[in-house]
């Protein structure tokens, strides 16, 4: 990472930490408390009422730091940074609407599945069109280990849409334990920022540095026992921002490697639902997403989070290793 990205990370961490501290009493006053699923782990019932929508601070901290980073950068950030921030904010707004409806209805379900999916689809399609028509690299995708790009041609738009939808919702599923999504995404963001610096992807590097810092700043209040949750406001924004930044730097295929926890969390849900329907009610896991399976097996929440962070760190080192040709 270059000096600008490091400074952006530090600025973002400080801003997000300060904003979260200010935001918590406001959320409490507005009674923006978390509603806990009835079918969730029994240990989570005590978390009911913990302020949610803390993702607002993550979004503001990331955007402010990204703008500052753009001014500090000697290379200039350009149009791509605006596109990344716009997509990041759009996913965050969709998550905010979902969280707000949960508070209004006093239920764990906010925005209905169809409009929520439609919103994600529209954002993803707009990004895919932008990358195809206006991006410098257009429909090329970098292949890990191989170290060169391959032109996806007409398959590029559906590939980008699928990648966006899959990763955004996978990150959203990962947000289920104190500090899990913020810590995991912080590690992945730092890894991708390093690769952005090596490939001179200035816009992605600045944004990823800012997002990594925001995750660190938020963790001050989100680590177990959490004083605030990010809600869908934060998890959808983080998933969207991480994926868009990777797409802009043509490193889409690194995400399933560095973000292996996201993949495992999403796969556990798909496998559980499919097996449940196919067998008339039998289960593979005690509960999904995957982190709940370990919780119900007797692992303390902190140990589950530490294990998932460690797996993420190892996966990120593997992701860096797969791009050895660039170093």
C-alpha atoms as a PDB file:
ATOM      1  CA  UNK A   1       0.000   0.000   0.000  1.00  0.00           C
ATOM      2  CA  UNK A   2       1.197   3.506  -0.777  1.00  0.00           C
ATOM      3  CA  UNK A   3       1.224   6.392   1.684  1.00  0.00           C
ATOM      4  CA  UNK A   4      -2.058   7.890   0.426  1.00  0.00           C
ATOM      5  CA  UNK A   5      -3.986   4.655   1.036  1.00  0.00           C
ATOM      6  CA  UNK A   6      -2.471   4.295   4.522  1.00  0.00           C
ATOM      7  CA  UNK A   7      -3.375   7.900   5.406  1.00  0.00           C
ATOM      8  CA  UNK A   8      -6.885   7.368   4.029  1.00  0.00           C
ATOM      9  CA  UNK A   9      -7.267   4.256   6.187  1.00  0.00           C
ATOM     10  CA  UNK A  10      -6.171   6.105   9.333  1.00  0.00           C
ATOM     11  CA  UNK A  11      -8.429   9.103   8.604  1.00  0.00           C
ATOM     12  CA  UNK A  12     -11.393   6.819   7.929  1.00  0.00           C
ATOM     13  CA  UNK A  13     -10.849   4.850  11.149  1.00  0.00           C
ATOM     14  CA  UNK A  14     -10.753   8.046  13.208  1.00  0.00           C
ATOM     15  CA  UNK A  15     -13.783   9.590  11.491  1.00  0.00           C
ATOM     16  CA  UNK A  16     -15.886   6.425  11.699  1.00  0.00           C
ATOM     17  CA  UNK A  17     -15.005   5.819  15.338  1.00  0.00           C
ATOM     18  CA  UNK A  18     -15.984   9.405  16.232  1.00  0.00           C
ATOM     19  CA  UNK A  19     -19.175   9.275  14.155  1.00  0.00           C
ATOM     20  CA  UNK A  20     -20.231   5.946  15.668  1.00  0.00           C
ATOM     21  CA  UNK A  21     -19.741   7.321  19.167  1.00  0.00           C
ATOM     22  CA  UNK A  22     -21.982  10.279  18.307  1.00  0.00           C
ATOM     23  CA  UNK A  23     -24.518   8.095  16.480  1.00  0.00           C
ATOM     24  CA  UNK A  24     -25.165   5.534  19.241  1.00  0.00           C
ATOM     25  CA  UNK A  25     -27.069   7.870  21.640  1.00  0.00           C
ATOM     26  CA  UNK A  26     -29.048   9.273  18.692  1.00  0.00           C
ATOM     27  CA  UNK A  27     -30.115   5.773  17.626  1.00  0.00           C
ATOM     28  CA  UNK A  28     -31.054   4.964  21.222  1.00  0.00           C
ATOM     29  CA  UNK A  29     -33.128   8.138  21.512  1.00  0.00           C
ATOM     30  CA  UNK A  30     -34.931   7.325  18.253  1.00  0.00           C
ATOM     31  CA  UNK A  31     -35.458   3.742  19.510  1.00  0.00           C
ATOM     32  CA  UNK A  32     -33.659   2.260  16.506  1.00  0.00           C
ATOM     33  CA  UNK A  33     -33.135  -1.059  18.303  1.00  0.00           C
ATOM     34  CA  UNK A  34     -32.408  -4.460  16.772  1.00  0.00           C
ATOM     35  CA  UNK A  35     -35.240  -6.960  16.470  1.00  0.00           C
ATOM     36  CA  UNK A  36     -33.976 -10.510  17.047  1.00  0.00           C
ATOM     37  CA  UNK A  37     -35.299 -13.482  15.053  1.00  0.00           C
ATOM     38  CA  UNK A  38     -37.460 -15.779  17.165  1.00  0.00           C
ATOM     39  CA  UNK A  39     -35.850 -18.817  15.526  1.00  0.00           C
ATOM     40  CA  UNK A  40     -32.333 -17.519  16.193  1.00  0.00           C
ATOM     41  CA  UNK A  41     -29.930 -18.771  18.882  1.00  0.00           C
ATOM     42  CA  UNK A  42     -31.235 -18.343  22.433  1.00  0.00           C
ATOM     43  CA  UNK A  43     -28.067 -16.460  23.431  1.00  0.00           C
ATOM     44  CA  UNK A  44     -28.953 -13.688  20.974  1.00  0.00           C
ATOM     45  CA  UNK A  45     -32.217 -12.801  22.714  1.00  0.00           C
ATOM     46  CA  UNK A  46     -30.293 -10.579  25.142  1.00  0.00           C
ATOM     47  CA  UNK A  47     -29.158  -8.434  22.191  1.00  0.00           C
ATOM     48  CA  UNK A  48     -32.686  -7.217  21.487  1.00  0.00           C
ATOM     49  CA  UNK A  49     -32.841  -3.433  21.603  1.00  0.00           C
ATOM     50  CA  UNK A  50     -29.145  -2.879  20.825  1.00  0.00           C
ATOM     51  CA  UNK A  51     -28.968   0.139  18.469  1.00  0.00           C
ATOM     52  CA  UNK A  52     -28.849  -0.866  14.812  1.00  0.00           C
ATOM     53  CA  UNK A  53     -28.212   1.131  11.621  1.00  0.00           C
ATOM     54  CA  UNK A  54     -24.676   1.896  12.779  1.00  0.00           C
ATOM     55  CA  UNK A  55     -23.733   1.361   9.156  1.00  0.00           C
ATOM     56  CA  UNK A  56     -24.572   5.045   8.660  1.00  0.00           C
ATOM     57  CA  UNK A  57     -21.243   5.881  10.326  1.00  0.00           C
ATOM     58  CA  UNK A  58     -19.408   3.350   8.140  1.00  0.00           C
ATOM     59  CA  UNK A  59     -20.857   4.911   4.992  1.00  0.00           C
ATOM     60  CA  UNK A  60     -20.148   8.509   6.016  1.00  0.00           C
ATOM     61  CA  UNK A  61     -16.650   7.694   7.267  1.00  0.00           C
ATOM     62  CA  UNK A  62     -15.762   5.802   4.086  1.00  0.00           C
ATOM     63  CA  UNK A  63     -17.073   8.489   1.738  1.00  0.00           C
ATOM     64  CA  UNK A  64     -15.445  11.387   3.605  1.00  0.00           C
ATOM     65  CA  UNK A  65     -12.100   9.604   3.809  1.00  0.00           C
ATOM     66  CA  UNK A  66     -12.288   8.578   0.122  1.00  0.00           C
ATOM     67  CA  UNK A  67     -12.788  12.204  -0.914  1.00  0.00           C
ATOM     68  CA  UNK A  68      -9.881  13.318   1.291  1.00  0.00           C
ATOM     69  CA  UNK A  69      -7.758  10.495  -0.135  1.00  0.00           C
ATOM     70  CA  UNK A  70      -8.567  11.624  -3.669  1.00  0.00           C
ATOM     71  CA  UNK A  71      -7.273  15.122  -2.864  1.00  0.00           C
ATOM     72  CA  UNK A  72      -4.147  13.707  -1.214  1.00  0.00           C
ATOM     73  CA  UNK A  73      -3.356  11.407  -4.139  1.00  0.00           C
ATOM     74  CA  UNK A  74      -0.726  12.621  -6.592  1.00  0.00           C
ATOM     75  CA  UNK A  75      -2.006  10.223  -9.271  1.00  0.00           C
ATOM     76  CA  UNK A  76      -5.605  11.439  -9.147  1.00  0.00           C
ATOM     77  CA  UNK A  77      -8.590   9.189  -8.563  1.00  0.00           C
ATOM     78  CA  UNK A  78     -10.828  10.025 -11.513  1.00  0.00           C
ATOM     79  CA  UNK A  79     -14.316   8.926 -12.513  1.00  0.00           C
ATOM     80  CA  UNK A  80     -13.987   5.377 -11.199  1.00  0.00           C
ATOM     81  CA  UNK A  81     -13.888   6.570  -7.585  1.00  0.00           C
ATOM     82  CA  UNK A  82     -17.177   8.414  -8.087  1.00  0.00           C
ATOM     83  CA  UNK A  83     -18.736   5.251  -9.543  1.00  0.00           C
ATOM     84  CA  UNK A  84     -17.525   3.120  -6.613  1.00  0.00           C
ATOM     85  CA  UNK A  85     -18.821   5.624  -4.052  1.00  0.00           C
ATOM     86  CA  UNK A  86     -22.160   5.947  -5.878  1.00  0.00           C
ATOM     87  CA  UNK A  87     -22.713   2.162  -5.911  1.00  0.00           C
ATOM     88  CA  UNK A  88     -21.557   1.899  -2.278  1.00  0.00           C
ATOM     89  CA  UNK A  89     -24.017   4.612  -1.225  1.00  0.00           C
ATOM     90  CA  UNK A  90     -26.844   3.111  -3.324  1.00  0.00           C
ATOM     91  CA  UNK A  91     -26.518  -0.291  -1.652  1.00  0.00           C
ATOM     92  CA  UNK A  92     -26.285   1.478   1.704  1.00  0.00           C
ATOM     93  CA  UNK A  93     -29.503   3.406   0.966  1.00  0.00           C
ATOM     94  CA  UNK A  94     -31.261   0.147   0.087  1.00  0.00           C
ATOM     95  CA  UNK A  95     -30.078  -1.322   3.386  1.00  0.00           C
ATOM     96  CA  UNK A  96     -31.164   1.812   5.267  1.00  0.00           C
ATOM     97  CA  UNK A  97     -34.678   1.464   3.857  1.00  0.00           C
ATOM     98  CA  UNK A  98     -34.742  -2.175   4.928  1.00  0.00           C
ATOM     99  CA  UNK A  99     -33.567  -1.320   8.462  1.00  0.00           C
ATOM    100  CA  UNK A 100     -35.985   1.597   8.769  1.00  0.00           C
ATOM    101  CA  UNK A 101     -38.961  -0.556   7.816  1.00  0.00           C
ATOM    102  CA  UNK A 102     -37.901  -3.120  10.426  1.00  0.00           C
ATOM    103  CA  UNK A 103     -37.976  -0.415  13.088  1.00  0.00           C
ATOM    104  CA  UNK A 104     -41.356   0.925  11.926  1.00  0.00           C
ATOM    105  CA  UNK A 105     -42.945  -2.536  11.811  1.00  0.00           C
ATOM    106  CA  UNK A 106     -41.119  -3.773  14.940  1.00  0.00           C
ATOM    107  CA  UNK A 107     -40.290  -6.986  13.088  1.00  0.00           C
ATOM    108  CA  UNK A 108     -37.131  -8.697  11.844  1.00  0.00           C
ATOM    109  CA  UNK A 109     -38.325  -8.447   8.230  1.00  0.00           C
ATOM    110  CA  UNK A 110     -38.138  -5.053   6.574  1.00  0.00           C
ATOM    111  CA  UNK A 111     -38.116  -4.585   2.826  1.00  0.00           C
ATOM    112  CA  UNK A 112     -39.854  -7.424   0.980  1.00  0.00           C
ATOM    113  CA  UNK A 113     -37.671  -9.839  -0.997  1.00  0.00           C
ATOM    114  CA  UNK A 114     -38.819  -8.792  -4.485  1.00  0.00           C
ATOM    115  CA  UNK A 115     -38.275  -5.010  -4.191  1.00  0.00           C
ATOM    116  CA  UNK A 116     -35.015  -5.587  -2.313  1.00  0.00           C
ATOM    117  CA  UNK A 117     -33.744  -7.906  -5.058  1.00  0.00           C
ATOM    118  CA  UNK A 118     -35.002  -5.537  -7.764  1.00  0.00           C
ATOM    119  CA  UNK A 119     -33.043  -2.656  -6.242  1.00  0.00           C
ATOM    120  CA  UNK A 120     -29.875  -4.738  -6.109  1.00  0.00           C
ATOM    121  CA  UNK A 121     -30.426  -5.888  -9.687  1.00  0.00           C
ATOM    122  CA  UNK A 122     -30.807  -2.344 -11.026  1.00  0.00           C
ATOM    123  CA  UNK A 123     -27.610  -1.142  -9.311  1.00  0.00           C
ATOM    124  CA  UNK A 124     -25.726  -4.205 -10.585  1.00  0.00           C
ATOM    125  CA  UNK A 125     -26.962  -3.765 -14.151  1.00  0.00           C
ATOM    126  CA  UNK A 126     -25.989  -0.087 -14.217  1.00  0.00           C
ATOM    127  CA  UNK A 127     -22.503  -0.976 -13.019  1.00  0.00           C
ATOM    128  CA  UNK A 128     -22.156  -3.765 -15.601  1.00  0.00           C
ATOM    129  CA  UNK A 129     -23.185  -1.383 -18.391  1.00  0.00           C
ATOM    130  CA  UNK A 130     -20.736   1.257 -17.160  1.00  0.00           C
ATOM    131  CA  UNK A 131     -17.878  -1.239 -17.053  1.00  0.00           C
ATOM    132  CA  UNK A 132     -18.712  -2.548 -20.526  1.00  0.00           C
ATOM    133  CA  UNK A 133     -19.109   0.791 -22.274  1.00  0.00           C
ATOM    134  CA  UNK A 134     -16.976   3.294 -20.365  1.00  0.00           C
ATOM    135  CA  UNK A 135     -14.303   1.389 -18.477  1.00  0.00           C
ATOM    136  CA  UNK A 136     -10.735   1.363 -19.791  1.00  0.00           C
ATOM    137  CA  UNK A 137     -10.465  -2.436 -19.551  1.00  0.00           C
ATOM    138  CA  UNK A 138     -14.076  -3.063 -20.630  1.00  0.00           C
ATOM    139  CA  UNK A 139     -14.938  -6.794 -20.584  1.00  0.00           C
ATOM    140  CA  UNK A 140     -11.552  -8.177 -19.477  1.00  0.00           C
ATOM    141  CA  UNK A 141     -11.285 -10.108 -16.199  1.00  0.00           C
ATOM    142  CA  UNK A 142      -7.979 -10.911 -14.480  1.00  0.00           C
ATOM    143  CA  UNK A 143      -7.444 -14.620 -13.829  1.00  0.00           C
ATOM    144  CA  UNK A 144      -5.637 -15.447 -10.539  1.00  0.00           C
ATOM    145  CA  UNK A 145      -2.397 -17.521 -10.839  1.00  0.00           C
ATOM    146  CA  UNK A 146      -2.547 -17.144 -14.653  1.00  0.00           C
ATOM    147  CA  UNK A 147      -1.814 -13.452 -14.109  1.00  0.00           C
ATOM    148  CA  UNK A 148      -3.443 -12.196 -17.293  1.00  0.00           C
ATOM    149  CA  UNK A 149      -6.861 -10.941 -18.305  1.00  0.00           C
ATOM    150  CA  UNK A 150      -9.391 -12.841 -20.390  1.00  0.00           C
ATOM    151  CA  UNK A 151     -12.099 -11.128 -22.418  1.00  0.00           C
ATOM    152  CA  UNK A 152     -15.511 -12.377 -21.256  1.00  0.00           C
ATOM    153  CA  UNK A 153     -17.268 -10.716 -24.205  1.00  0.00           C
ATOM    154  CA  UNK A 154     -21.073 -11.049 -24.174  1.00  0.00           C
ATOM    155  CA  UNK A 155     -20.878 -13.044 -20.917  1.00  0.00           C
ATOM    156  CA  UNK A 156     -19.414 -10.087 -19.046  1.00  0.00           C
ATOM    157  CA  UNK A 157     -22.680  -8.330 -18.117  1.00  0.00           C
ATOM    158  CA  UNK A 158     -24.386 -11.442 -16.660  1.00  0.00           C
ATOM    159  CA  UNK A 159     -21.100 -12.326 -14.937  1.00  0.00           C
ATOM    160  CA  UNK A 160     -20.892  -8.909 -13.263  1.00  0.00           C
ATOM    161  CA  UNK A 161     -24.559  -8.957 -12.255  1.00  0.00           C
ATOM    162  CA  UNK A 162     -24.191 -12.432 -10.732  1.00  0.00           C
ATOM    163  CA  UNK A 163     -20.976 -11.440  -8.924  1.00  0.00           C
ATOM    164  CA  UNK A 164     -22.599  -8.323  -7.473  1.00  0.00           C
ATOM    165  CA  UNK A 165     -25.763 -10.073  -6.296  1.00  0.00           C
ATOM    166  CA  UNK A 166     -23.897 -13.068  -4.896  1.00  0.00           C
ATOM    167  CA  UNK A 167     -21.259 -11.119  -2.976  1.00  0.00           C
ATOM    168  CA  UNK A 168     -23.558  -8.408  -1.617  1.00  0.00           C
ATOM    169  CA  UNK A 169     -25.968 -10.959  -0.176  1.00  0.00           C
ATOM    170  CA  UNK A 170     -23.132 -13.184   1.065  1.00  0.00           C
ATOM    171  CA  UNK A 171     -21.657 -10.286   3.065  1.00  0.00           C
ATOM    172  CA  UNK A 172     -25.142  -9.523   4.355  1.00  0.00           C
ATOM    173  CA  UNK A 173     -25.483 -13.124   5.614  1.00  0.00           C
ATOM    174  CA  UNK A 174     -22.095 -12.867   7.333  1.00  0.00           C
ATOM    175  CA  UNK A 175     -23.360 -10.011   9.513  1.00  0.00           C
ATOM    176  CA  UNK A 176     -24.721 -12.160  12.346  1.00  0.00           C
ATOM    177  CA  UNK A 177     -22.196 -12.008  15.207  1.00  0.00           C
ATOM    178  CA  UNK A 178     -20.544  -9.104  17.005  1.00  0.00           C
ATOM    179  CA  UNK A 179     -17.625  -7.896  14.903  1.00  0.00           C
ATOM    180  CA  UNK A 180     -17.826 -10.694  12.330  1.00  0.00           C
ATOM    181  CA  UNK A 181     -18.752  -8.767   9.171  1.00  0.00           C
ATOM    182  CA  UNK A 182     -16.736  -5.652  10.085  1.00  0.00           C
ATOM    183  CA  UNK A 183     -13.589  -7.618  10.953  1.00  0.00           C
ATOM    184  CA  UNK A 184     -13.787  -9.956   7.984  1.00  0.00           C
ATOM    185  CA  UNK A 185     -14.440  -7.131   5.535  1.00  0.00           C
ATOM    186  CA  UNK A 186     -11.653  -5.044   7.030  1.00  0.00           C
ATOM    187  CA  UNK A 187      -9.138  -7.843   6.416  1.00  0.00           C
ATOM    188  CA  UNK A 188     -10.374  -8.453   2.855  1.00  0.00           C
ATOM    189  CA  UNK A 189     -10.362  -4.712   2.103  1.00  0.00           C
ATOM    190  CA  UNK A 190      -6.737  -4.316   3.206  1.00  0.00           C
ATOM    191  CA  UNK A 191      -5.748  -7.278   1.011  1.00  0.00           C
ATOM    192  CA  UNK A 192      -7.522  -5.869  -2.031  1.00  0.00           C
ATOM    193  CA  UNK A 193      -6.031  -2.425  -1.332  1.00  0.00           C
ATOM    194  CA  UNK A 194      -2.536  -3.933  -1.461  1.00  0.00           C
ATOM    195  CA  UNK A 195      -3.296  -5.475  -4.850  1.00  0.00           C
ATOM    196  CA  UNK A 196      -4.812  -2.181  -6.028  1.00  0.00           C
ATOM    197  CA  UNK A 197      -1.565  -0.413  -5.104  1.00  0.00           C
ATOM    198  CA  UNK A 198       0.492  -2.971  -7.040  1.00  0.00           C
ATOM    199  CA  UNK A 199      -1.740  -2.715 -10.116  1.00  0.00           C
ATOM    200  CA  UNK A 200      -1.946   1.100  -9.804  1.00  0.00           C
ATOM    201  CA  UNK A 201      -5.727   0.992  -9.456  1.00  0.00           C
ATOM    202  CA  UNK A 202      -5.805   4.358  -7.690  1.00  0.00           C
ATOM    203  CA  UNK A 203      -9.569   4.743  -7.231  1.00  0.00           C
ATOM    204  CA  UNK A 204     -10.074   1.238  -5.865  1.00  0.00           C
ATOM    205  CA  UNK A 205      -7.025   1.536  -3.612  1.00  0.00           C
ATOM    206  CA  UNK A 206      -8.221   4.779  -2.014  1.00  0.00           C
ATOM    207  CA  UNK A 207     -11.752   3.482  -1.510  1.00  0.00           C
ATOM    208  CA  UNK A 208     -10.670   0.098  -0.130  1.00  0.00           C
ATOM    209  CA  UNK A 209      -8.283   1.822   2.274  1.00  0.00           C
ATOM    210  CA  UNK A 210     -11.129   4.062   3.432  1.00  0.00           C
ATOM    211  CA  UNK A 211     -13.484   1.110   3.869  1.00  0.00           C
ATOM    212  CA  UNK A 212     -10.885  -0.904   5.792  1.00  0.00           C
ATOM    213  CA  UNK A 213     -10.412   2.057   8.126  1.00  0.00           C
ATOM    214  CA  UNK A 214     -14.172   2.434   8.563  1.00  0.00           C
ATOM    215  CA  UNK A 215     -14.455  -1.232   9.552  1.00  0.00           C
ATOM    216  CA  UNK A 216     -11.663  -0.762  12.120  1.00  0.00           C
ATOM    217  CA  UNK A 217     -13.267   2.371  13.546  1.00  0.00           C
ATOM    218  CA  UNK A 218     -16.660   0.695  13.781  1.00  0.00           C
ATOM    219  CA  UNK A 219     -15.178  -2.368  15.513  1.00  0.00           C
ATOM    220  CA  UNK A 220     -14.329  -0.207  18.524  1.00  0.00           C
ATOM    221  CA  UNK A 221     -18.054  -0.259  19.329  1.00  0.00           C
ATOM    222  CA  UNK A 222     -19.106  -3.409  17.441  1.00  0.00           C
ATOM    223  CA  UNK A 223     -16.758  -5.958  19.052  1.00  0.00           C
ATOM    224  CA  UNK A 224     -18.350  -8.353  21.536  1.00  0.00           C
ATOM    225  CA  UNK A 225     -20.361  -7.299  23.446  1.00  0.00           C
ATOM    226  CA  UNK A 226     -21.522  -4.941  20.710  1.00  0.00           C
ATOM    227  CA  UNK A 227     -22.814  -1.511  21.637  1.00  0.00           C
ATOM    228  CA  UNK A 228     -24.181  -1.037  18.121  1.00  0.00           C
ATOM    229  CA  UNK A 229     -24.944  -3.149  15.043  1.00  0.00           C
ATOM    230  CA  UNK A 230     -24.304  -2.078  11.456  1.00  0.00           C
ATOM    231  CA  UNK A 231     -27.642  -3.440  10.210  1.00  0.00           C
ATOM    232  CA  UNK A 232     -28.374  -3.959   6.534  1.00  0.00           C
ATOM    233  CA  UNK A 233     -27.377  -0.304   6.114  1.00  0.00           C
ATOM    234  CA  UNK A 234     -23.792  -1.334   6.746  1.00  0.00           C
ATOM    235  CA  UNK A 235     -23.667  -4.910   5.459  1.00  0.00           C
ATOM    236  CA  UNK A 236     -25.208  -4.147   2.057  1.00  0.00           C
ATOM    237  CA  UNK A 237     -22.951  -1.094   1.692  1.00  0.00           C
ATOM    238  CA  UNK A 238     -19.840  -3.096   2.611  1.00  0.00           C
ATOM    239  CA  UNK A 239     -20.740  -5.927   0.246  1.00  0.00           C
ATOM    240  CA  UNK A 240     -21.517  -3.495  -2.559  1.00  0.00           C
ATOM    241  CA  UNK A 241     -18.442  -1.331  -2.017  1.00  0.00           C
ATOM    242  CA  UNK A 242     -16.031  -4.262  -1.777  1.00  0.00           C
ATOM    243  CA  UNK A 243     -17.413  -5.916  -4.908  1.00  0.00           C
ATOM    244  CA  UNK A 244     -17.564  -2.750  -7.020  1.00  0.00           C
ATOM    245  CA  UNK A 245     -13.982  -1.835  -6.079  1.00  0.00           C
ATOM    246  CA  UNK A 246     -12.833  -5.330  -7.085  1.00  0.00           C
ATOM    247  CA  UNK A 247     -14.739  -5.093 -10.384  1.00  0.00           C
ATOM    248  CA  UNK A 248     -13.226  -1.701 -11.210  1.00  0.00           C
ATOM    249  CA  UNK A 249      -9.713  -3.092 -10.669  1.00  0.00           C
ATOM    250  CA  UNK A 250     -10.631  -6.237 -12.698  1.00  0.00           C
ATOM    251  CA  UNK A 251     -10.066  -8.574  -9.728  1.00  0.00           C
ATOM    252  CA  UNK A 252     -13.567 -10.051  -9.508  1.00  0.00           C
ATOM    253  CA  UNK A 253     -12.277 -13.621  -9.281  1.00  0.00           C
ATOM    254  CA  UNK A 254     -10.129 -12.807  -6.247  1.00  0.00           C
ATOM    255  CA  UNK A 255     -13.224 -12.134  -4.140  1.00  0.00           C
ATOM    256  CA  UNK A 256     -14.251 -15.795  -3.673  1.00  0.00           C
ATOM    257  CA  UNK A 257     -10.680 -16.546  -2.562  1.00  0.00           C
ATOM    258  CA  UNK A 258     -10.082 -13.654  -0.161  1.00  0.00           C
ATOM    259  CA  UNK A 259     -13.741 -13.655   0.883  1.00  0.00           C
ATOM    260  CA  UNK A 260     -14.012 -17.415   1.412  1.00  0.00           C
ATOM    261  CA  UNK A 261     -16.041 -16.845   4.603  1.00  0.00           C
ATOM    262  CA  UNK A 262     -18.697 -14.996   2.608  1.00  0.00           C
ATOM    263  CA  UNK A 263     -18.853 -17.927   0.183  1.00  0.00           C
ATOM    264  CA  UNK A 264     -19.128 -20.508   2.974  1.00  0.00           C
ATOM    265  CA  UNK A 265     -21.847 -18.521   4.749  1.00  0.00           C
ATOM    266  CA  UNK A 266     -23.937 -18.261   1.573  1.00  0.00           C
ATOM    267  CA  UNK A 267     -23.334 -21.896   0.580  1.00  0.00           C
ATOM    268  CA  UNK A 268     -24.429 -23.104   4.019  1.00  0.00           C
ATOM    269  CA  UNK A 269     -27.783 -21.364   3.592  1.00  0.00           C
ATOM    270  CA  UNK A 270     -28.281 -22.710   0.043  1.00  0.00           C
ATOM    271  CA  UNK A 271     -27.356 -26.240   1.101  1.00  0.00           C
ATOM    272  CA  UNK A 272     -29.595 -26.119   4.165  1.00  0.00           C
ATOM    273  CA  UNK A 273     -32.643 -24.874   2.259  1.00  0.00           C
ATOM    274  CA  UNK A 274     -32.130 -27.322  -0.613  1.00  0.00           C
ATOM    275  CA  UNK A 275     -31.603 -30.327   1.668  1.00  0.00           C
ATOM    276  CA  UNK A 276     -34.532 -29.308   3.894  1.00  0.00           C
ATOM    277  CA  UNK A 277     -36.900 -29.218   0.927  1.00  0.00           C
ATOM    278  CA  UNK A 278     -35.533 -32.380  -0.678  1.00  0.00           C
ATOM    279  CA  UNK A 279     -35.733 -34.497   2.488  1.00  0.00           C
ATOM    280  CA  UNK A 280     -38.960 -33.135   3.931  1.00  0.00           C
ATOM    281  CA  UNK A 281     -37.462 -31.314   6.892  1.00  0.00           C
ATOM    282  CA  UNK A 282     -34.013 -32.762   7.571  1.00  0.00           C
ATOM    283  CA  UNK A 283     -31.021 -30.468   8.125  1.00  0.00           C
ATOM    284  CA  UNK A 284     -27.311 -30.541   7.329  1.00  0.00           C
ATOM    285  CA  UNK A 285     -26.343 -27.833   9.808  1.00  0.00           C
ATOM    286  CA  UNK A 286     -27.712 -27.082  13.272  1.00  0.00           C
ATOM    287  CA  UNK A 287     -28.633 -23.609  11.986  1.00  0.00           C
ATOM    288  CA  UNK A 288     -27.561 -21.335   9.165  1.00  0.00           C
ATOM    289  CA  UNK A 289     -25.766 -19.116   8.241  1.00  0.00           C
ATOM    290  CA  UNK A 290     -22.706 -21.170   9.142  1.00  0.00           C
ATOM    291  CA  UNK A 291     -21.630 -19.095  12.166  1.00  0.00           C
ATOM    292  CA  UNK A 292     -24.810 -20.168  13.983  1.00  0.00           C
ATOM    293  CA  UNK A 293     -23.918 -23.834  13.419  1.00  0.00           C
ATOM    294  CA  UNK A 294     -20.749 -23.406  15.487  1.00  0.00           C
ATOM    295  CA  UNK A 295     -22.559 -21.349  18.128  1.00  0.00           C
ATOM    296  CA  UNK A 296     -25.163 -24.057  18.659  1.00  0.00           C
ATOM    297  CA  UNK A 297     -22.324 -26.586  18.825  1.00  0.00           C
ATOM    298  CA  UNK A 298     -21.109 -24.896  21.998  1.00  0.00           C
ATOM    299  CA  UNK A 299     -18.493 -22.410  20.742  1.00  0.00           C
ATOM    300  CA  UNK A 300     -18.588 -18.974  22.328  1.00  0.00           C
ATOM    301  CA  UNK A 301     -19.436 -16.163  19.933  1.00  0.00           C
ATOM    302  CA  UNK A 302     -15.984 -14.605  20.343  1.00  0.00           C
ATOM    303  CA  UNK A 303     -14.271 -17.880  19.422  1.00  0.00           C
ATOM    304  CA  UNK A 304     -16.403 -18.260  16.305  1.00  0.00           C
ATOM    305  CA  UNK A 305     -15.523 -14.714  15.219  1.00  0.00           C
ATOM    306  CA  UNK A 306     -11.815 -15.269  15.943  1.00  0.00           C
ATOM    307  CA  UNK A 307     -11.873 -18.513  13.926  1.00  0.00           C
ATOM    308  CA  UNK A 308     -13.575 -16.851  10.960  1.00  0.00           C
ATOM    309  CA  UNK A 309     -11.143 -13.909  11.080  1.00  0.00           C
ATOM    310  CA  UNK A 310      -8.216 -16.352  11.085  1.00  0.00           C
ATOM    311  CA  UNK A 311      -9.630 -18.265   8.113  1.00  0.00           C
ATOM    312  CA  UNK A 312     -10.096 -14.951   6.297  1.00  0.00           C
ATOM    313  CA  UNK A 313      -6.504 -13.926   6.983  1.00  0.00           C
ATOM    314  CA  UNK A 314      -5.196 -17.251   5.612  1.00  0.00           C
ATOM    315  CA  UNK A 315      -7.475 -16.950   2.565  1.00  0.00           C
ATOM    316  CA  UNK A 316      -6.254 -13.398   1.940  1.00  0.00           C
ATOM    317  CA  UNK A 317      -2.633 -14.555   2.040  1.00  0.00           C
ATOM    318  CA  UNK A 318      -3.601 -17.215  -0.508  1.00  0.00           C
ATOM    319  CA  UNK A 319      -5.238 -14.520  -2.650  1.00  0.00           C
ATOM    320  CA  UNK A 320      -2.042 -12.446  -2.541  1.00  0.00           C
ATOM    321  CA  UNK A 321      -0.047 -15.542  -3.412  1.00  0.00           C
ATOM    322  CA  UNK A 322      -2.257 -16.262  -6.408  1.00  0.00           C
ATOM    323  CA  UNK A 323      -1.269 -12.876  -7.859  1.00  0.00           C
ATOM    324  CA  UNK A 324       2.491 -13.471  -7.450  1.00  0.00           C
ATOM    325  CA  UNK A 325       3.110 -12.539 -11.080  1.00  0.00           C
ATOM    326  CA  UNK A 326       2.149  -8.942 -10.285  1.00  0.00           C
ATOM    327  CA  UNK A 327       4.662  -8.493  -7.454  1.00  0.00           C
END
